[in-house]
Protein backbone atom coordinates (compact mmCIF):
# COMPACT_ATOMS: atom_id res chain seq x y z
CA MET A 1 69.85 175.32 75.20
CA ALA A 2 71.97 177.84 76.00
CA LEU A 3 75.48 176.36 77.24
CA PRO A 4 76.71 177.19 80.30
CA PRO A 5 80.72 178.60 80.71
CA VAL A 6 82.85 175.25 80.64
CA ALA A 7 85.87 175.59 82.52
CA VAL A 8 88.65 172.23 81.80
CA LEU A 9 91.27 171.97 84.67
CA GLY A 10 93.97 169.80 83.41
CA GLY A 11 94.82 171.16 79.75
CA GLY A 12 96.21 167.69 78.61
CA ASN A 13 95.91 166.24 75.21
CA LEU A 14 92.69 165.28 75.64
CA GLY A 15 91.74 168.49 77.58
CA SER A 16 93.28 170.73 74.40
CA ALA A 17 91.39 168.62 72.33
CA ILE A 18 87.63 169.32 74.15
CA LEU A 19 88.51 172.51 74.10
CA THR A 20 89.72 173.17 70.45
CA GLY A 21 87.01 171.20 69.48
CA LEU A 22 84.28 173.68 71.66
CA ALA A 23 85.76 176.68 70.58
CA ASP A 24 85.43 175.85 66.99
CA ALA A 25 81.66 174.45 67.41
CA GLY A 26 81.19 178.46 68.91
CA VAL A 27 81.01 177.77 72.87
CA GLN A 28 81.90 181.33 74.20
CA ASP A 29 82.82 180.90 77.43
CA LEU A 30 85.94 178.79 77.93
CA ARG A 31 88.59 178.00 80.88
CA THR A 32 90.79 176.02 81.28
CA THR A 33 93.81 175.63 84.21
CA THR A 34 97.34 173.97 83.41
CA ARG A 35 100.13 172.82 85.15
CA THR A 36 102.80 174.81 83.65
CA ALA A 37 103.06 178.28 82.19
CA ALA A 38 104.79 176.66 78.76
CA SER A 39 101.05 174.87 78.69
CA ALA A 40 98.98 177.53 78.89
CA ALA A 41 100.83 179.56 76.52
CA ARG A 42 99.56 177.39 74.10
CA TYR A 43 96.10 178.89 74.18
CA ASP A 44 97.64 182.44 73.85
CA GLY A 45 95.68 184.22 70.70
CA THR A 46 92.86 182.17 71.48
CA ALA A 47 89.43 182.87 73.23
CA ILE A 48 90.30 180.38 75.64
CA ARG A 49 90.84 181.71 79.31
CA ALA A 50 93.92 179.71 80.36
CA ALA A 51 96.03 180.00 83.59
CA ALA A 52 98.92 177.72 85.10
CA LEU A 53 98.86 177.06 88.42
CA GLU A 54 102.69 177.31 88.79
CA THR A 55 102.32 180.83 88.71
CA ASP A 56 98.99 181.30 90.21
CA PRO A 57 97.89 178.70 92.77
CA GLU A 58 94.47 180.12 92.80
CA ALA A 59 93.76 179.15 88.73
CA ASN A 60 91.63 176.34 89.48
CA ARG A 61 89.32 178.75 92.28
CA ALA A 62 89.04 181.12 89.42
CA ALA A 63 88.11 178.76 86.53
CA ILE A 64 85.48 177.21 87.98
CA ALA A 65 83.67 180.49 89.26
CA GLY A 66 80.35 180.70 87.92
CA ALA A 67 80.74 177.66 85.73
CA GLY A 68 77.93 175.06 84.76
CA VAL A 69 80.12 172.40 83.95
CA VAL A 70 83.28 171.80 85.56
CA ILE A 71 85.44 168.98 83.35
CA SER A 72 88.58 167.36 85.49
CA GLY A 73 91.44 166.59 82.93
CA VAL A 74 93.55 165.24 85.76
CA LYS A 75 95.19 161.76 86.13
CA PRO A 76 93.16 159.33 87.63
CA ALA A 77 95.41 159.30 90.62
CA GLY A 78 94.37 163.04 91.24
CA THR A 79 90.89 163.16 90.38
CA ALA A 80 89.96 162.62 93.84
CA ASP A 81 92.17 165.42 95.80
CA LEU A 82 90.69 167.91 93.18
CA LEU A 83 87.45 167.13 93.64
CA ARG A 84 88.05 167.44 96.95
CA ALA A 85 89.92 171.01 96.76
CA ILE A 86 87.34 172.61 94.33
CA GLY A 87 84.08 171.61 95.69
CA PRO A 88 83.59 174.11 98.17
CA ASP A 89 83.90 176.71 95.41
CA LEU A 90 81.57 174.76 92.71
CA ALA A 91 78.53 177.32 91.51
CA PRO A 92 75.06 176.27 92.58
CA GLY A 93 73.72 173.59 89.94
CA ALA A 94 77.39 172.98 88.83
CA VAL A 95 77.53 169.49 86.87
CA VAL A 96 81.54 168.00 87.30
CA VAL A 97 82.38 165.86 84.54
CA SER A 98 85.55 163.54 85.20
CA LEU A 99 87.64 162.13 82.50
CA ALA A 100 89.63 159.55 84.53
CA VAL A 101 89.63 156.03 83.42
CA GLY A 102 88.93 153.56 86.04
CA THR A 103 87.49 155.91 88.63
CA PRO A 104 83.80 154.88 89.56
CA ILE A 105 81.34 157.63 90.02
CA ALA A 106 80.59 156.42 93.80
CA PRO A 107 84.28 157.78 95.59
CA LEU A 108 83.76 160.93 93.19
CA GLU A 109 80.49 162.16 94.64
CA ALA A 110 82.36 161.08 97.95
CA ALA A 111 85.21 164.04 97.47
CA LEU A 112 82.29 166.41 96.60
CA PRO A 113 79.54 168.53 98.93
CA GLY A 114 76.71 166.35 99.46
CA GLY A 115 73.95 166.12 96.59
CA ALA A 116 77.23 167.01 93.81
CA GLN A 117 76.02 166.21 90.28
CA VAL A 118 78.74 164.31 89.02
CA VAL A 119 79.23 162.76 85.21
CA ARG A 120 81.74 160.31 83.82
CA ALA A 121 82.73 161.25 80.17
CA MET A 122 84.78 158.89 78.18
CA PRO A 123 85.87 160.91 75.02
CA ASN A 124 88.35 160.42 72.58
CA THR A 125 91.09 162.61 70.76
CA PRO A 126 88.96 162.73 67.36
CA VAL A 127 86.64 165.66 69.54
CA ARG A 128 89.37 167.98 68.59
CA VAL A 129 88.00 167.95 65.23
CA ARG A 130 84.30 167.15 66.29
CA ARG A 131 84.45 163.77 64.72
CA GLY A 132 85.14 162.20 68.37
CA VAL A 133 83.01 159.50 70.02
CA THR A 134 82.03 159.72 74.03
CA GLY A 135 80.94 157.74 76.69
CA LEU A 136 78.89 159.27 79.52
CA ALA A 137 77.53 158.12 82.43
CA ARG A 138 75.34 159.92 85.06
CA GLY A 139 75.85 159.98 88.67
CA ALA A 140 72.48 159.66 90.57
CA ALA A 141 72.24 163.43 92.07
CA VAL A 142 72.66 164.62 88.38
CA THR A 143 69.41 166.68 87.39
CA ASP A 144 67.54 166.08 83.73
CA GLU A 145 68.72 169.52 83.16
CA GLY A 146 72.27 169.31 84.23
CA PHE A 147 72.71 165.74 81.94
CA ALA A 148 71.12 167.72 79.12
CA ALA A 149 73.60 170.57 79.20
CA VAL A 150 76.70 167.92 79.05
CA THR A 151 74.87 165.57 76.20
CA GLU A 152 74.49 168.69 74.42
CA LEU A 153 77.69 169.73 75.26
CA PHE A 154 79.74 166.56 74.10
CA GLY A 155 77.10 166.18 70.89
CA LEU A 156 78.96 169.39 69.44
CA LEU A 157 82.39 167.08 69.47
CA GLY A 158 80.39 164.12 67.88
CA GLU A 159 79.34 161.22 68.84
CA VAL A 160 77.62 160.20 72.56
CA VAL A 161 77.14 157.00 73.78
CA VAL A 162 74.99 156.80 77.21
CA LEU A 163 75.95 154.19 79.53
CA ASP A 164 75.55 153.33 82.87
CA ASP A 165 79.36 153.37 85.58
CA GLU A 166 79.59 150.09 85.20
CA ARG A 167 80.32 150.05 81.30
CA ILE A 168 81.82 153.19 80.77
CA ASP A 169 85.60 151.54 81.04
CA ARG A 170 84.73 149.09 78.33
CA ILE A 171 83.85 152.18 75.90
CA SER A 172 87.69 153.50 76.82
CA THR A 173 88.95 150.62 75.62
CA ILE A 174 87.18 151.09 72.32
CA SER A 175 86.43 154.16 71.05
CA GLY A 176 89.02 156.33 73.84
CA SER A 177 91.78 154.21 72.97
CA GLY A 178 90.61 153.39 69.62
CA PRO A 179 92.46 155.89 67.71
CA ALA A 180 95.41 154.73 68.72
CA TYR A 181 95.05 151.47 67.36
CA VAL A 182 93.99 152.76 63.97
CA TYR A 183 97.46 155.18 63.86
CA LEU A 184 98.98 151.70 65.13
CA LEU A 185 97.17 149.85 61.74
CA LEU A 186 98.32 152.82 59.59
CA GLU A 187 101.97 152.90 60.55
CA ARG A 188 102.24 149.02 60.18
CA PHE A 189 100.44 149.19 56.60
CA ALA A 190 103.22 152.07 55.71
CA ASP A 191 105.84 150.14 57.14
CA ALA A 192 104.74 146.73 54.89
CA ALA A 193 104.71 149.75 52.07
CA VAL A 194 108.18 150.92 52.45
CA GLY A 195 108.92 147.00 52.31
CA LEU A 196 107.74 146.63 48.80
CA GLY A 197 109.67 149.48 47.97
CA PHE A 198 107.63 152.63 48.12
CA ALA A 199 109.42 155.80 50.12
CA ARG A 200 108.20 156.55 53.59
CA GLN A 201 106.23 159.72 52.54
CA ASP A 202 104.30 158.18 49.49
CA ALA A 203 103.51 155.03 51.58
CA GLU A 204 101.98 157.00 54.38
CA ARG A 205 99.86 159.18 52.09
CA THR A 206 98.54 156.37 50.34
CA VAL A 207 97.94 154.44 53.40
CA ALA A 208 95.75 157.29 54.85
CA ALA A 209 94.22 158.38 51.94
CA THR A 210 92.69 154.64 51.31
CA PHE A 211 91.62 154.58 55.31
CA ALA A 212 89.76 157.86 54.93
CA GLY A 213 88.06 156.81 51.74
CA ALA A 214 87.07 153.46 52.90
CA LEU A 215 85.39 155.12 56.03
CA ALA A 216 83.90 157.84 53.94
CA LEU A 217 82.44 155.19 51.98
CA LEU A 218 80.86 153.55 54.64
CA GLU A 219 79.52 156.49 56.11
CA ALA A 220 77.48 157.72 53.12
CA SER A 221 76.78 154.29 51.64
CA GLY A 222 74.80 153.08 54.88
CA GLU A 223 76.30 149.66 54.35
CA SER A 224 77.91 147.32 57.00
CA PRO A 225 81.49 146.88 57.06
CA GLU A 226 81.11 142.91 55.95
CA ALA A 227 79.08 144.21 52.86
CA LEU A 228 82.10 146.52 51.78
CA ARG A 229 84.36 144.14 52.46
CA ARG A 230 82.94 141.41 50.34
CA ALA A 231 82.31 143.81 47.62
CA VAL A 232 86.26 144.25 47.31
CA THR A 233 87.03 140.53 48.13
CA SER A 234 86.60 139.07 44.55
CA PRO A 235 86.87 135.00 44.78
CA ASN A 236 90.36 133.62 44.33
CA GLY A 237 91.92 137.42 43.88
CA THR A 238 94.53 139.47 45.20
CA THR A 239 92.09 140.74 48.06
CA ALA A 240 90.72 137.23 49.05
CA ALA A 241 94.56 135.76 49.47
CA ALA A 242 95.40 139.25 51.85
CA VAL A 243 92.13 138.46 54.03
CA ALA A 244 93.19 135.03 54.30
CA VAL A 245 96.53 135.49 56.30
CA LEU A 246 94.71 137.93 58.44
CA GLU A 247 91.98 135.52 59.53
CA GLU A 248 94.81 132.82 59.51
CA ARG A 249 96.83 134.93 61.83
CA ASP A 250 93.34 135.70 63.93
CA LEU A 251 93.31 139.18 63.47
CA GLY A 252 89.46 139.07 65.91
CA GLY A 253 91.54 137.07 68.66
CA THR A 254 94.12 139.49 68.69
CA ILE A 255 91.66 142.90 68.79
CA ALA A 256 89.72 141.06 71.81
CA ALA A 257 92.81 140.27 73.29
CA ALA A 258 94.04 143.91 73.01
CA LEU A 259 90.67 144.93 74.31
CA ALA A 260 90.66 142.70 77.56
CA GLY A 261 94.40 143.93 78.21
CA ALA A 262 92.94 147.72 78.27
CA LEU A 263 89.98 146.77 80.19
CA ARG A 264 92.32 145.05 83.16
CA ARG A 265 94.51 147.75 83.36
CA ALA A 266 90.88 149.91 83.71
CA ASP A 267 89.96 147.49 86.31
CA GLU A 268 93.48 147.69 87.84
CA LEU A 269 93.23 151.51 87.87
CA ALA A 270 89.65 151.47 89.52
CA GLY A 271 90.85 148.61 92.39
CA ARG A 272 88.86 146.10 91.26
């Protein structure tokens, strides 16, 4: 399928990651708008066409002209207002993709002209290097062709999981926020290594390489995380002693509580 022109309105961290990944994948017609000229300048020298709203109030209208997929990357509180503003200028058959956490499809559809195609997407920042995970939820008016285009687009950026609208915020607590959990874990491992006498640079490099290698082995082996953990954990050995401490401190319960906290916040944003 030939991919349509793509416009990303709101070039924050996630919008920028999507654009960078799509450009790396060879998508030709990419446009974006940012709030400030300084933000737009980050795309200088790239194939991505960027414009700033502070210098061009009509930048959104120009960006979506002829675009087949329009990605709204603004904050949840501003998403409906943005859609109301751009709705009359959408190209026929365009699919609007919202990245807003805690914002169901129904109010997004209500902000657009009748019959507008709306998809919710929950990607994560590794889409920048095309190793992301994106949850997609399809609105009632989305055609098979329109959803196929969005699915193919995000498929260029990593794994795609199709969900219903009610479950899309749940995946945001896992894969959407997940990179932050991983980086926090890396930070704390490095802190502990420094406490054992390692230099900070050596600690961070060793910990990052250990995580990267473990994940590469998981991917290459096809085995489960449990099986690979057991293979490393000799009975009564040093690894078993460390794992016992983590289990005694209820690592699983802590992770479950963290995800529940993220979901509560998504529900608050949605007014649930």
